Amino acid sequence: RKESEMRRILLAMLLITGATTAHAEEPTKAILYKAPQCGCCETYAAYLRENGFNVTVRPTHQLANISRKAGVPAELEGCHTMFVDGYVVDGHVPAAVIRKLLADRPAVAGITLPGMPTGSPGMSGTKTEPFVIYAVPRDQGAPTVYVTD
């Protein structure tokens, strides 16, 4: 009798573990807004898909307005703006840094990698210096360095 109860407990644990694992493998959903003619943004979206994100791309002529409304200062804008799990991610931010943001869940509006750095995900060339990724505060305060990658 004890043996059959142990089997049931083990089976229940396996089922719970399997359900958790299956859930963890679901791609993280993201919506990426970009200028209609921008090709590097499409390359960045493909890079994110290869790294486990489910990215919907939405071309727009209102990119600067979308970034500003999300709290990204004009001087720190990237060439596209993405929303993922309650955060704004502006520019060619590496997937590992986005995963860090989603794991840490800091009290910020999001993160940004300004401009279009050579060698960043979606951009051609070789990375020549560390990428400085800024945290965008929720209160319109001064951005701070989130990570240097």
Protein backbone atom coordinates (compact mmCIF):
# COMPACT_ATOMS: atom_id res chain seq x y z
CA ARG A 1 0.00 0.00 0.00
CA LYS A 2 2.79 2.43 0.88
CA GLU A 3 4.50 1.53 -2.38
CA SER A 4 1.44 2.43 -4.50
CA GLU A 5 1.06 5.72 -2.65
CA MET A 6 4.72 6.53 -3.28
CA ARG A 7 4.20 5.78 -6.98
CA ARG A 8 1.25 8.17 -7.09
CA ILE A 9 3.29 10.89 -5.40
CA LEU A 10 6.20 10.36 -7.81
CA LEU A 11 3.83 10.40 -10.79
CA ALA A 12 2.25 13.64 -9.55
CA MET A 13 5.69 15.19 -9.12
CA LEU A 14 6.69 14.15 -12.64
CA LEU A 15 3.50 15.61 -14.08
CA ILE A 16 4.02 18.89 -12.24
CA THR A 17 7.65 19.08 -13.34
CA GLY A 18 6.68 18.30 -16.94
CA ALA A 19 4.01 21.01 -16.96
CA THR A 20 6.45 23.54 -15.55
CA THR A 21 9.10 22.63 -18.11
CA ALA A 22 6.63 22.87 -21.00
CA HIS A 23 5.49 26.28 -19.79
CA ALA A 24 9.07 27.51 -19.45
CA GLU A 25 9.76 26.62 -23.08
CA GLU A 26 7.00 28.86 -24.48
CA PRO A 27 8.53 31.78 -26.39
CA THR A 28 8.36 35.19 -24.76
CA LYS A 29 5.97 37.41 -26.73
CA ALA A 30 7.19 40.78 -27.97
CA ILE A 31 5.85 43.51 -30.26
CA LEU A 32 8.50 45.39 -32.23
CA TYR A 33 7.67 48.76 -33.84
CA LYS A 34 9.98 49.85 -36.67
CA ALA A 35 10.17 52.24 -39.59
CA PRO A 36 8.65 50.54 -42.66
CA GLN A 37 11.88 50.68 -44.68
CA CYS A 38 14.28 49.48 -41.95
CA GLY A 39 15.93 46.16 -42.82
CA CYS A 40 18.16 45.84 -39.76
CA CYS A 41 15.04 45.77 -37.57
CA GLU A 42 13.82 42.71 -39.49
CA THR A 43 17.23 41.09 -38.95
CA TYR A 44 17.01 41.91 -35.23
CA ALA A 45 13.51 40.37 -35.03
CA ALA A 46 14.86 37.20 -36.70
CA TYR A 47 17.74 37.14 -34.18
CA LEU A 48 15.24 37.37 -31.30
CA ARG A 49 13.13 34.57 -32.78
CA GLU A 50 16.25 32.40 -32.96
CA ASN A 51 16.75 33.18 -29.27
CA GLY A 52 13.30 32.07 -28.10
CA PHE A 53 11.17 35.18 -28.53
CA ASN A 54 7.85 35.29 -30.39
CA VAL A 55 8.19 38.66 -32.15
CA THR A 56 5.42 40.48 -33.98
CA VAL A 57 6.77 43.27 -36.19
CA ARG A 58 4.63 46.36 -36.76
CA PRO A 59 5.85 48.95 -39.27
CA THR A 60 5.01 52.53 -38.31
CA HIS A 61 5.80 56.13 -39.19
CA GLN A 62 5.31 57.09 -35.51
CA LEU A 63 8.40 55.44 -34.05
CA ALA A 64 9.75 58.53 -32.26
CA ASN A 65 6.35 59.15 -30.64
CA ILE A 66 6.10 55.51 -29.52
CA SER A 67 9.58 55.67 -27.94
CA ARG A 68 8.91 58.96 -26.20
CA LYS A 69 5.53 57.80 -24.84
CA ALA A 70 7.33 54.74 -23.44
CA GLY A 71 9.74 57.07 -21.62
CA VAL A 72 12.83 56.68 -23.82
CA PRO A 73 14.63 60.04 -24.14
CA ALA A 74 15.30 61.11 -27.74
CA GLU A 75 19.08 61.01 -27.23
CA LEU A 76 18.89 57.35 -26.12
CA GLU A 77 16.55 56.02 -28.82
CA GLY A 78 17.47 53.04 -30.95
CA CYS A 79 16.11 52.38 -34.42
CA HIS A 80 13.12 50.37 -33.18
CA THR A 81 11.00 50.08 -30.04
CA MET A 82 9.83 46.78 -28.61
CA PHE A 83 7.46 45.94 -25.80
CA VAL A 84 8.01 42.70 -23.93
CA ASP A 85 6.37 41.55 -20.69
CA GLY A 86 5.61 45.06 -19.42
CA TYR A 87 8.94 46.63 -20.43
CA VAL A 88 10.12 48.77 -23.32
CA VAL A 89 13.30 47.60 -25.07
CA ASP A 90 14.69 50.18 -27.47
CA GLY A 91 17.41 49.40 -29.99
CA HIS A 92 19.56 46.36 -30.75
CA VAL A 93 19.75 45.02 -27.18
CA PRO A 94 21.27 41.50 -26.97
CA ALA A 95 18.83 38.71 -26.04
CA ALA A 96 20.84 37.82 -22.92
CA VAL A 97 20.34 41.36 -21.58
CA ILE A 98 16.59 41.18 -22.27
CA ARG A 99 16.46 37.87 -20.40
CA LYS A 100 18.32 39.49 -17.49
CA LEU A 101 15.75 42.31 -17.45
CA LEU A 102 12.86 39.84 -17.43
CA ALA A 103 14.50 37.74 -14.68
CA ASP A 104 15.51 40.71 -12.48
CA ARG A 105 12.20 42.60 -12.96
CA PRO A 106 13.67 45.98 -11.90
CA ALA A 107 11.35 48.92 -11.22
CA VAL A 108 12.11 50.67 -14.54
CA ALA A 109 10.16 51.41 -17.71
CA GLY A 110 12.70 49.43 -19.71
CA ILE A 111 16.15 49.44 -21.30
CA THR A 112 17.76 50.96 -24.37
CA LEU A 113 20.86 50.57 -26.50
CA PRO A 114 21.07 53.93 -28.28
CA GLY A 115 21.78 54.26 -31.98
CA MET A 116 22.75 51.37 -34.19
CA PRO A 117 26.09 50.07 -32.85
CA THR A 118 28.22 48.07 -35.27
CA GLY A 119 28.24 44.39 -34.36
CA SER A 120 25.10 44.56 -32.20
CA PRO A 121 22.40 41.95 -32.89
CA GLY A 122 20.84 42.73 -36.26
CA MET A 123 23.69 45.01 -37.33
CA SER A 124 26.59 44.07 -39.56
CA GLY A 125 30.24 44.38 -38.66
CA THR A 126 32.30 43.38 -35.69
CA LYS A 127 31.72 44.63 -32.17
CA THR A 128 34.58 46.99 -31.36
CA GLU A 129 33.62 48.17 -27.88
CA PRO A 130 31.22 47.18 -25.09
CA PHE A 131 27.57 48.11 -25.55
CA VAL A 132 26.25 50.45 -22.87
CA ILE A 133 22.61 49.60 -22.18
CA TYR A 134 20.68 52.16 -20.16
CA ALA A 135 17.78 51.66 -17.76
CA VAL A 136 14.88 53.97 -18.53
CA PRO A 137 13.17 55.07 -15.30
CA ARG A 138 9.39 55.07 -14.97
CA ASP A 139 9.29 58.59 -13.55
CA GLN A 140 11.04 60.46 -16.40
CA GLY A 141 14.16 60.73 -14.21
CA ALA A 142 17.69 60.44 -15.53
CA PRO A 143 18.56 57.12 -17.19
CA THR A 144 21.29 55.06 -15.55
CA VAL A 145 23.58 52.36 -16.92
CA TYR A 146 21.80 48.99 -16.64
CA VAL A 147 24.64 46.84 -18.00
CA THR A 148 27.71 47.12 -20.14
CA ASP A 149 27.77 44.14 -22.46
